[in-house]
PDB file of N, CA and C in Angstrom:
ATOM      1  N   UNK A   1       0.820  -1.187   0.000  1.00  0.00           N
ATOM      2  CA  UNK A   1       0.000   0.000   0.000  1.00  0.00           C
ATOM      3  C   UNK A   1       0.867   1.256   0.000  1.00  0.00           C
ATOM      4  N   UNK A   2       1.991   1.219   0.730  1.00  0.00           N
ATOM      5  CA  UNK A   2       2.845   2.389   0.785  1.00  0.00           C
ATOM      6  C   UNK A   2       3.472   2.666  -0.578  1.00  0.00           C
ATOM      7  N   UNK A   3       3.790   1.633  -1.358  1.00  0.00           N
ATOM      8  CA  UNK A   3       4.336   1.810  -2.696  1.00  0.00           C
ATOM      9  C   UNK A   3       3.371   2.547  -3.602  1.00  0.00           C
ATOM     10  N   UNK A   4       2.076   2.315  -3.428  1.00  0.00           N
ATOM     11  CA  UNK A   4       1.078   3.016  -4.221  1.00  0.00           C
ATOM     12  C   UNK A   4       1.090   4.505  -3.914  1.00  0.00           C
ATOM     13  N   UNK A   5       1.252   4.872  -2.653  1.00  0.00           N
ATOM     14  CA  UNK A   5       1.298   6.289  -2.280  1.00  0.00           C
ATOM     15  C   UNK A   5       2.532   6.955  -2.868  1.00  0.00           C
ATOM     16  N   UNK A   6       3.668   6.258  -2.860  1.00  0.00           N
ATOM     17  CA  UNK A   6       4.895   6.828  -3.387  1.00  0.00           C
ATOM     18  C   UNK A   6       4.788   7.054  -4.887  1.00  0.00           C
ATOM     19  N   UNK A   7       4.061   6.215  -5.603  1.00  0.00           N
ATOM     20  CA  UNK A   7       3.914   6.332  -7.048  1.00  0.00           C
ATOM     21  C   UNK A   7       2.807   7.290  -7.451  1.00  0.00           C
ATOM     22  N   UNK A   8       1.973   7.735  -6.537  1.00  0.00           N
ATOM     23  CA  UNK A   8       0.809   8.554  -6.874  1.00  0.00           C
ATOM     24  C   UNK A   8       1.200   9.902  -7.462  1.00  0.00           C
ATOM     25  N   UNK A   9       2.185  10.567  -6.894  1.00  0.00           N
ATOM     26  CA  UNK A   9       2.558  11.885  -7.395  1.00  0.00           C
ATOM     27  C   UNK A   9       3.147  11.811  -8.794  1.00  0.00           C
ATOM     28  N   UNK A  10       4.147  10.944  -9.071  1.00  0.00           N
ATOM     29  CA  UNK A  10       4.657  10.865 -10.446  1.00  0.00           C
ATOM     30  C   UNK A  10       3.582  10.461 -11.455  1.00  0.00           C
ATOM     31  N   UNK A  11       2.660   9.599 -11.050  1.00  0.00           N
ATOM     32  CA  UNK A  11       1.574   9.193 -11.945  1.00  0.00           C
ATOM     33  C   UNK A  11       0.658  10.378 -12.247  1.00  0.00           C
ATOM     34  N   UNK A  12       0.317  11.163 -11.229  1.00  0.00           N
ATOM     35  CA  UNK A  12      -0.522  12.348 -11.428  1.00  0.00           C
ATOM     36  C   UNK A  12       0.185  13.357 -12.316  1.00  0.00           C
ATOM     37  N   UNK A  13       1.488  13.534 -12.105  1.00  0.00           N
ATOM     38  CA  UNK A  13       2.253  14.466 -12.934  1.00  0.00           C
ATOM     39  C   UNK A  13       2.279  14.011 -14.387  1.00  0.00           C
ATOM     40  N   UNK A  14       2.469  12.731 -14.611  1.00  0.00           N
ATOM     41  CA  UNK A  14       2.485  12.187 -15.973  1.00  0.00           C
ATOM     42  C   UNK A  14       1.141  12.405 -16.653  1.00  0.00           C
ATOM     43  N   UNK A  15       0.067  12.118 -15.949  1.00  0.00           N
ATOM     44  CA  UNK A  15      -1.265  12.310 -16.525  1.00  0.00           C
ATOM     45  C   UNK A  15      -1.533  13.780 -16.817  1.00  0.00           C
ATOM     46  N   UNK A  16      -1.094  14.661 -15.928  1.00  0.00           N
ATOM     47  CA  UNK A  16      -1.301  16.099 -16.136  1.00  0.00           C
ATOM     48  C   UNK A  16      -0.506  16.585 -17.338  1.00  0.00           C
ATOM     49  N   UNK A  17       0.744  16.145 -17.456  1.00  0.00           N
ATOM     50  CA  UNK A  17       1.573  16.572 -18.595  1.00  0.00           C
ATOM     51  C   UNK A  17       0.974  16.148 -19.924  1.00  0.00           C
ATOM     52  N   UNK A  18       0.371  14.983 -19.958  1.00  0.00           N
ATOM     53  CA  UNK A  18      -0.185  14.461 -21.212  1.00  0.00           C
ATOM     54  C   UNK A  18      -1.661  14.812 -21.386  1.00  0.00           C
ATOM     55  N   UNK A  19      -2.202  15.635 -20.484  1.00  0.00           N
ATOM     56  CA  UNK A  19      -3.611  16.068 -20.524  1.00  0.00           C
ATOM     57  C   UNK A  19      -4.581  14.870 -20.471  1.00  0.00           C
ATOM     58  N   UNK A  20      -4.188  13.839 -19.722  1.00  0.00           N
ATOM     59  CA  UNK A  20      -5.027  12.661 -19.580  1.00  0.00           C
ATOM     60  C   UNK A  20      -5.618  12.527 -18.176  1.00  0.00           C
ATOM     61  N   UNK A  21      -5.405  13.544 -17.360  1.00  0.00           N
ATOM     62  CA  UNK A  21      -5.973  13.550 -16.016  1.00  0.00           C
ATOM     63  C   UNK A  21      -7.493  13.655 -16.101  1.00  0.00           C
ATOM     64  N   UNK A  22      -8.186  13.060 -15.182  1.00  0.00           N
ATOM     65  CA  UNK A  22      -9.653  13.075 -15.191  1.00  0.00           C
ATOM     66  C   UNK A  22     -10.165  14.455 -14.787  1.00  0.00           C
ATOM     67  N   UNK A  23     -10.122  15.369 -15.742  1.00  0.00           N
ATOM     68  CA  UNK A  23     -10.662  16.721 -15.559  1.00  0.00           C
ATOM     69  C   UNK A  23     -11.623  16.961 -16.726  1.00  0.00           C
ATOM     70  N   UNK A  24     -12.760  17.528 -16.446  1.00  0.00           N
ATOM     71  CA  UNK A  24     -13.804  17.691 -17.468  1.00  0.00           C
ATOM     72  C   UNK A  24     -13.306  18.421 -18.713  1.00  0.00           C
ATOM     73  N   UNK A  25     -12.468  19.430 -18.541  1.00  0.00           N
ATOM     74  CA  UNK A  25     -11.979  20.202 -19.683  1.00  0.00           C
ATOM     75  C   UNK A  25     -11.147  19.332 -20.628  1.00  0.00           C
ATOM     76  N   UNK A  26     -10.500  18.303 -20.107  1.00  0.00           N
ATOM     77  CA  UNK A  26      -9.690  17.418 -20.939  1.00  0.00           C
ATOM     78  C   UNK A  26     -10.544  16.533 -21.843  1.00  0.00           C
ATOM     79  N   UNK A  27     -11.804  16.372 -21.514  1.00  0.00           N
ATOM     80  CA  UNK A  27     -12.693  15.505 -22.278  1.00  0.00           C
ATOM     81  C   UNK A  27     -13.959  16.263 -22.646  1.00  0.00           C
ATOM     82  N   UNK A  28     -13.772  17.357 -23.365  1.00  0.00           N
ATOM     83  CA  UNK A  28     -14.880  18.259 -23.691  1.00  0.00           C
ATOM     84  C   UNK A  28     -16.002  17.580 -24.463  1.00  0.00           C
ATOM     85  N   UNK A  29     -15.675  16.625 -25.300  1.00  0.00           N
ATOM     86  CA  UNK A  29     -16.694  15.951 -26.100  1.00  0.00           C
ATOM     87  C   UNK A  29     -17.683  15.159 -25.266  1.00  0.00           C
ATOM     88  N   UNK A  30     -17.218  14.613 -24.155  1.00  0.00           N
ATOM     89  CA  UNK A  30     -18.102  13.782 -23.333  1.00  0.00           C
ATOM     90  C   UNK A  30     -18.709  14.526 -22.148  1.00  0.00           C
ATOM     91  N   UNK A  31     -18.221  15.725 -21.886  1.00  0.00           N
ATOM     92  CA  UNK A  31     -18.709  16.503 -20.743  1.00  0.00           C
ATOM     93  C   UNK A  31     -19.252  17.851 -21.200  1.00  0.00           C
ATOM     94  N   UNK A  32     -20.568  18.011 -21.181  1.00  0.00           N
ATOM     95  CA  UNK A  32     -21.169  19.300 -21.559  1.00  0.00           C
ATOM     96  C   UNK A  32     -21.035  20.313 -20.435  1.00  0.00           C
ATOM     97  N   UNK A  33     -21.204  19.867 -19.208  1.00  0.00           N
ATOM     98  CA  UNK A  33     -21.072  20.733 -18.042  1.00  0.00           C
ATOM     99  C   UNK A  33     -19.610  20.725 -17.612  1.00  0.00           C
ATOM    100  N   UNK A  34     -18.937  21.858 -17.745  1.00  0.00           N
ATOM    101  CA  UNK A  34     -17.515  21.955 -17.425  1.00  0.00           C
ATOM    102  C   UNK A  34     -17.245  22.441 -15.998  1.00  0.00           C
ATOM    103  N   UNK A  35     -18.293  22.588 -15.190  1.00  0.00           N
ATOM    104  CA  UNK A  35     -18.149  23.073 -13.821  1.00  0.00           C
ATOM    105  C   UNK A  35     -17.535  21.998 -12.936  1.00  0.00           C
ATOM    106  N   UNK A  36     -16.671  22.416 -12.030  1.00  0.00           N
ATOM    107  CA  UNK A  36     -15.971  21.501 -11.129  1.00  0.00           C
ATOM    108  C   UNK A  36     -16.955  20.615 -10.364  1.00  0.00           C
ATOM    109  N   UNK A  37     -16.723  19.327 -10.449  1.00  0.00           N
ATOM    110  CA  UNK A  37     -17.604  18.360  -9.760  1.00  0.00           C
ATOM    111  C   UNK A  37     -17.447  18.423  -8.247  1.00  0.00           C
ATOM    112  N   UNK A  38     -16.348  19.003  -7.766  1.00  0.00           N
ATOM    113  CA  UNK A  38     -16.095  19.069  -6.336  1.00  0.00           C
ATOM    114  C   UNK A  38     -16.713  20.314  -5.690  1.00  0.00           C
ATOM    115  N   UNK A  39     -16.381  21.492  -6.215  1.00  0.00           N
ATOM    116  CA  UNK A  39     -16.852  22.729  -5.579  1.00  0.00           C
ATOM    117  C   UNK A  39     -18.020  23.369  -6.326  1.00  0.00           C
ATOM    118  N   UNK A  40     -18.169  23.068  -7.610  1.00  0.00           N
ATOM    119  CA  UNK A  40     -19.248  23.646  -8.395  1.00  0.00           C
ATOM    120  C   UNK A  40     -19.101  25.127  -8.663  1.00  0.00           C
ATOM    121  N   UNK A  41     -17.900  25.667  -8.453  1.00  0.00           N
ATOM    122  CA  UNK A  41     -17.714  27.114  -8.560  1.00  0.00           C
ATOM    123  C   UNK A  41     -16.820  27.556  -9.711  1.00  0.00           C
ATOM    124  N   UNK A  42     -16.078  26.666 -10.323  1.00  0.00           N
ATOM    125  CA  UNK A  42     -15.121  27.069 -11.360  1.00  0.00           C
ATOM    126  C   UNK A  42     -15.080  26.003 -12.455  1.00  0.00           C
ATOM    127  N   UNK A  43     -14.435  26.351 -13.567  1.00  0.00           N
ATOM    128  CA  UNK A  43     -14.238  25.383 -14.638  1.00  0.00           C
ATOM    129  C   UNK A  43     -13.309  24.274 -14.127  1.00  0.00           C
ATOM    130  N   UNK A  44     -13.684  23.035 -14.378  1.00  0.00           N
ATOM    131  CA  UNK A  44     -12.883  21.909 -13.910  1.00  0.00           C
ATOM    132  C   UNK A  44     -11.749  21.631 -14.889  1.00  0.00           C
ATOM    133  N   UNK A  45     -10.605  22.224 -14.600  1.00  0.00           N
ATOM    134  CA  UNK A  45      -9.414  21.940 -15.388  1.00  0.00           C
ATOM    135  C   UNK A  45      -8.335  21.410 -14.450  1.00  0.00           C
ATOM    136  N   UNK A  46      -7.234  20.980 -15.014  1.00  0.00           N
ATOM    137  CA  UNK A  46      -6.181  20.368 -14.206  1.00  0.00           C
ATOM    138  C   UNK A  46      -5.620  21.312 -13.156  1.00  0.00           C
ATOM    139  N   UNK A  47      -5.385  22.544 -13.541  1.00  0.00           N
ATOM    140  CA  UNK A  47      -4.826  23.513 -12.602  1.00  0.00           C
ATOM    141  C   UNK A  47      -5.767  23.716 -11.416  1.00  0.00           C
ATOM    142  N   UNK A  48      -7.056  23.790 -11.692  1.00  0.00           N
ATOM    143  CA  UNK A  48      -8.042  23.975 -10.633  1.00  0.00           C
ATOM    144  C   UNK A  48      -8.049  22.779  -9.685  1.00  0.00           C
ATOM    145  N   UNK A  49      -8.107  21.569 -10.232  1.00  0.00           N
ATOM    146  CA  UNK A  49      -8.185  20.365  -9.399  1.00  0.00           C
ATOM    147  C   UNK A  49      -6.915  20.164  -8.576  1.00  0.00           C
ATOM    148  N   UNK A  50      -5.756  20.373  -9.190  1.00  0.00           N
ATOM    149  CA  UNK A  50      -4.499  20.087  -8.503  1.00  0.00           C
ATOM    150  C   UNK A  50      -4.068  21.138  -7.495  1.00  0.00           C
ATOM    151  N   UNK A  51      -4.506  22.377  -7.659  1.00  0.00           N
ATOM    152  CA  UNK A  51      -3.970  23.376  -6.754  1.00  0.00           C
ATOM    153  C   UNK A  51      -4.922  24.410  -6.215  1.00  0.00           C
ATOM    154  N   UNK A  52      -6.068  24.576  -6.821  1.00  0.00           N
ATOM    155  CA  UNK A  52      -6.945  25.676  -6.414  1.00  0.00           C
ATOM    156  C   UNK A  52      -8.200  25.230  -5.669  1.00  0.00           C
ATOM    157  N   UNK A  53      -8.758  24.098  -6.016  1.00  0.00           N
ATOM    158  CA  UNK A  53     -10.012  23.640  -5.413  1.00  0.00           C
ATOM    159  C   UNK A  53      -9.738  22.990  -4.052  1.00  0.00           C
ATOM    160  N   UNK A  54     -10.153  23.659  -2.996  1.00  0.00           N
ATOM    161  CA  UNK A  54      -9.916  23.158  -1.639  1.00  0.00           C
ATOM    162  C   UNK A  54     -10.619  21.824  -1.395  1.00  0.00           C
ATOM    163  N   UNK A  55     -11.790  21.658  -1.948  1.00  0.00           N
ATOM    164  CA  UNK A  55     -12.543  20.411  -1.752  1.00  0.00           C
ATOM    165  C   UNK A  55     -11.836  19.260  -2.465  1.00  0.00           C
ATOM    166  N   UNK A  56     -11.369  19.482  -3.689  1.00  0.00           N
ATOM    167  CA  UNK A  56     -10.650  18.435  -4.427  1.00  0.00           C
ATOM    168  C   UNK A  56      -9.378  18.038  -3.693  1.00  0.00           C
ATOM    169  N   UNK A  57      -8.670  19.016  -3.115  1.00  0.00           N
ATOM    170  CA  UNK A  57      -7.450  18.709  -2.362  1.00  0.00           C
ATOM    171  C   UNK A  57      -7.751  17.769  -1.203  1.00  0.00           C
ATOM    172  N   UNK A  58      -8.849  18.024  -0.502  1.00  0.00           N
ATOM    173  CA  UNK A  58      -9.217  17.191   0.649  1.00  0.00           C
ATOM    174  C   UNK A  58      -9.618  15.788   0.204  1.00  0.00           C
ATOM    175  N   UNK A  59     -10.368  15.690  -0.873  1.00  0.00           N
ATOM    176  CA  UNK A  59     -10.868  14.400  -1.338  1.00  0.00           C
ATOM    177  C   UNK A  59      -9.760  13.561  -1.966  1.00  0.00           C
ATOM    178  N   UNK A  60      -8.968  14.163  -2.843  1.00  0.00           N
ATOM    179  CA  UNK A  60      -7.955  13.411  -3.577  1.00  0.00           C
ATOM    180  C   UNK A  60      -6.620  13.333  -2.849  1.00  0.00           C
ATOM    181  N   UNK A  61      -6.400  14.230  -1.908  1.00  0.00           N
ATOM    182  CA  UNK A  61      -5.123  14.265  -1.214  1.00  0.00           C
ATOM    183  C   UNK A  61      -4.005  14.856  -2.055  1.00  0.00           C
ATOM    184  N   UNK A  62      -4.354  15.486  -3.170  1.00  0.00           N
ATOM    185  CA  UNK A  62      -3.357  16.073  -4.066  1.00  0.00           C
ATOM    186  C   UNK A  62      -3.307  17.579  -3.869  1.00  0.00           C
ATOM    187  N   UNK A  63      -2.114  18.076  -3.788  1.00  0.00           N
ATOM    188  CA  UNK A  63      -1.900  19.519  -3.777  1.00  0.00           C
ATOM    189  C   UNK A  63      -0.555  19.766  -4.429  1.00  0.00           C
ATOM    190  N   UNK A  64      -0.575  20.293  -5.640  1.00  0.00           N
ATOM    191  CA  UNK A  64       0.650  20.519  -6.386  1.00  0.00           C
ATOM    192  C   UNK A  64       0.649  21.914  -6.969  1.00  0.00           C
ATOM    193  N   UNK A  65       1.822  22.442  -7.175  1.00  0.00           N
ATOM    194  CA  UNK A  65       1.947  23.681  -7.920  1.00  0.00           C
ATOM    195  C   UNK A  65       1.891  23.284  -9.392  1.00  0.00           C
ATOM    196  N   UNK A  66       0.841  23.675 -10.060  1.00  0.00           N
ATOM    197  CA  UNK A  66       0.596  23.223 -11.430  1.00  0.00           C
ATOM    198  C   UNK A  66       1.750  23.556 -12.375  1.00  0.00           C
ATOM    199  N   UNK A  67       2.344  24.730 -12.238  1.00  0.00           N
ATOM    200  CA  UNK A  67       3.442  25.131 -13.121  1.00  0.00           C
ATOM    201  C   UNK A  67       4.656  24.231 -12.937  1.00  0.00           C
ATOM    202  N   UNK A  68       4.863  23.727 -11.725  1.00  0.00           N
ATOM    203  CA  UNK A  68       6.015  22.865 -11.458  1.00  0.00           C
ATOM    204  C   UNK A  68       5.935  21.538 -12.209  1.00  0.00           C
ATOM    205  N   UNK A  69       4.749  21.109 -12.545  1.00  0.00           N
ATOM    206  CA  UNK A  69       4.583  19.844 -13.263  1.00  0.00           C
ATOM    207  C   UNK A  69       5.286  19.884 -14.610  1.00  0.00           C
ATOM    208  N   UNK A  70       5.315  21.053 -15.228  1.00  0.00           N
ATOM    209  CA  UNK A  70       5.862  21.170 -16.566  1.00  0.00           C
ATOM    210  C   UNK A  70       7.314  21.638 -16.600  1.00  0.00           C
ATOM    211  N   UNK A  71       7.900  21.862 -15.433  1.00  0.00           N
ATOM    212  CA  UNK A  71       9.301  22.256 -15.372  1.00  0.00           C
ATOM    213  C   UNK A  71      10.187  21.042 -15.600  1.00  0.00           C
ATOM    214  N   UNK A  72      11.367  21.281 -16.139  1.00  0.00           N
ATOM    215  CA  UNK A  72      12.337  20.218 -16.337  1.00  0.00           C
ATOM    216  C   UNK A  72      12.904  19.840 -14.980  1.00  0.00           C
ATOM    217  N   UNK A  73      12.680  18.618 -14.562  1.00  0.00           N
ATOM    218  CA  UNK A  73      13.137  18.157 -13.259  1.00  0.00           C
ATOM    219  C   UNK A  73      13.969  16.906 -13.459  1.00  0.00           C
ATOM    220  N   UNK A  74      15.261  17.017 -13.256  1.00  0.00           N
ATOM    221  CA  UNK A  74      16.156  15.885 -13.471  1.00  0.00           C
ATOM    222  C   UNK A  74      15.887  14.723 -12.530  1.00  0.00           C
ATOM    223  N   UNK A  75      15.243  14.971 -11.399  1.00  0.00           N
ATOM    224  CA  UNK A  75      14.941  13.885 -10.470  1.00  0.00           C
ATOM    225  C   UNK A  75      13.896  12.924 -11.018  1.00  0.00           C
ATOM    226  N   UNK A  76      13.100  13.375 -11.968  1.00  0.00           N
ATOM    227  CA  UNK A  76      12.045  12.530 -12.509  1.00  0.00           C
ATOM    228  C   UNK A  76      12.348  12.045 -13.925  1.00  0.00           C
ATOM    229  N   UNK A  77      13.525  12.377 -14.442  1.00  0.00           N
ATOM    230  CA  UNK A  77      13.861  11.942 -15.791  1.00  0.00           C
ATOM    231  C   UNK A  77      14.230  10.468 -15.780  1.00  0.00           C
ATOM    232  N   UNK A  78      13.769   9.772 -16.764  1.00  0.00           N
ATOM    233  CA  UNK A  78      14.118   8.366 -16.941  1.00  0.00           C
ATOM    234  C   UNK A  78      14.788   8.232 -18.294  1.00  0.00           C
ATOM    235  N   UNK A  79      15.830   7.457 -18.341  1.00  0.00           N
ATOM    236  CA  UNK A  79      16.493   7.249 -19.618  1.00  0.00           C
ATOM    237  C   UNK A  79      16.301   5.812 -20.047  1.00  0.00           C
ATOM    238  N   UNK A  80      16.381   5.607 -21.319  1.00  0.00           N
ATOM    239  CA  UNK A  80      16.263   4.270 -21.871  1.00  0.00           C
ATOM    240  C   UNK A  80      17.623   3.778 -22.337  1.00  0.00           C
ATOM    241  N   UNK A  81      18.673   4.132 -21.609  1.00  0.00           N
ATOM    242  CA  UNK A  81      20.021   3.779 -22.029  1.00  0.00           C
ATOM    243  C   UNK A  81      20.198   2.269 -22.092  1.00  0.00           C
ATOM    244  N   UNK A  82      19.520   1.528 -21.235  1.00  0.00           N
ATOM    245  CA  UNK A  82      19.634   0.074 -21.265  1.00  0.00           C
ATOM    246  C   UNK A  82      19.043  -0.503 -22.543  1.00  0.00           C
ATOM    247  N   UNK A  83      18.042   0.159 -23.085  1.00  0.00           N
ATOM    248  CA  UNK A  83      17.398  -0.328 -24.304  1.00  0.00           C
ATOM    249  C   UNK A  83      18.163   0.052 -25.554  1.00  0.00           C
ATOM    250  N   UNK A  84      18.884   1.162 -25.511  1.00  0.00           N
ATOM    251  CA  UNK A  84      19.535   1.657 -26.712  1.00  0.00           C
ATOM    252  C   UNK A  84      21.025   1.369 -26.777  1.00  0.00           C
ATOM    253  N   UNK A  85      21.606   0.943 -25.673  1.00  0.00           N
ATOM    254  CA  UNK A  85      23.053   0.706 -25.691  1.00  0.00           C
ATOM    255  C   UNK A  85      23.362  -0.573 -26.458  1.00  0.00           C
ATOM    256  N   UNK A  86      24.483  -0.553 -27.159  1.00  0.00           N
ATOM    257  CA  UNK A  86      24.892  -1.736 -27.916  1.00  0.00           C
ATOM    258  C   UNK A  86      25.712  -2.639 -27.022  1.00  0.00           C
ATOM    259  N   UNK A  87      25.690  -3.915 -27.335  1.00  0.00           N
ATOM    260  CA  UNK A  87      26.419  -4.896 -26.514  1.00  0.00           C
ATOM    261  C   UNK A  87      27.773  -5.167 -27.098  1.00  0.00           C
TER     262      UNK A  87
END
């Protein structure tokens, strides 16, 4: 169970970077009502869910600086050197 918690932040960051996070704005075709399902006060987009909506923070346990998700962070870089190196 603890391993799942440790992986939650990188997984959320990956989904946010690729615009695949479960936010209504990311799936406009299937969601006519774009209002936040948690607070009902703002457009439900990734930035709102991850850092601005107090109710979403309490429910999901996520609180991130949205701009930091898109910054180059060497701690989260993965290389495929094992796959590309010649023997």
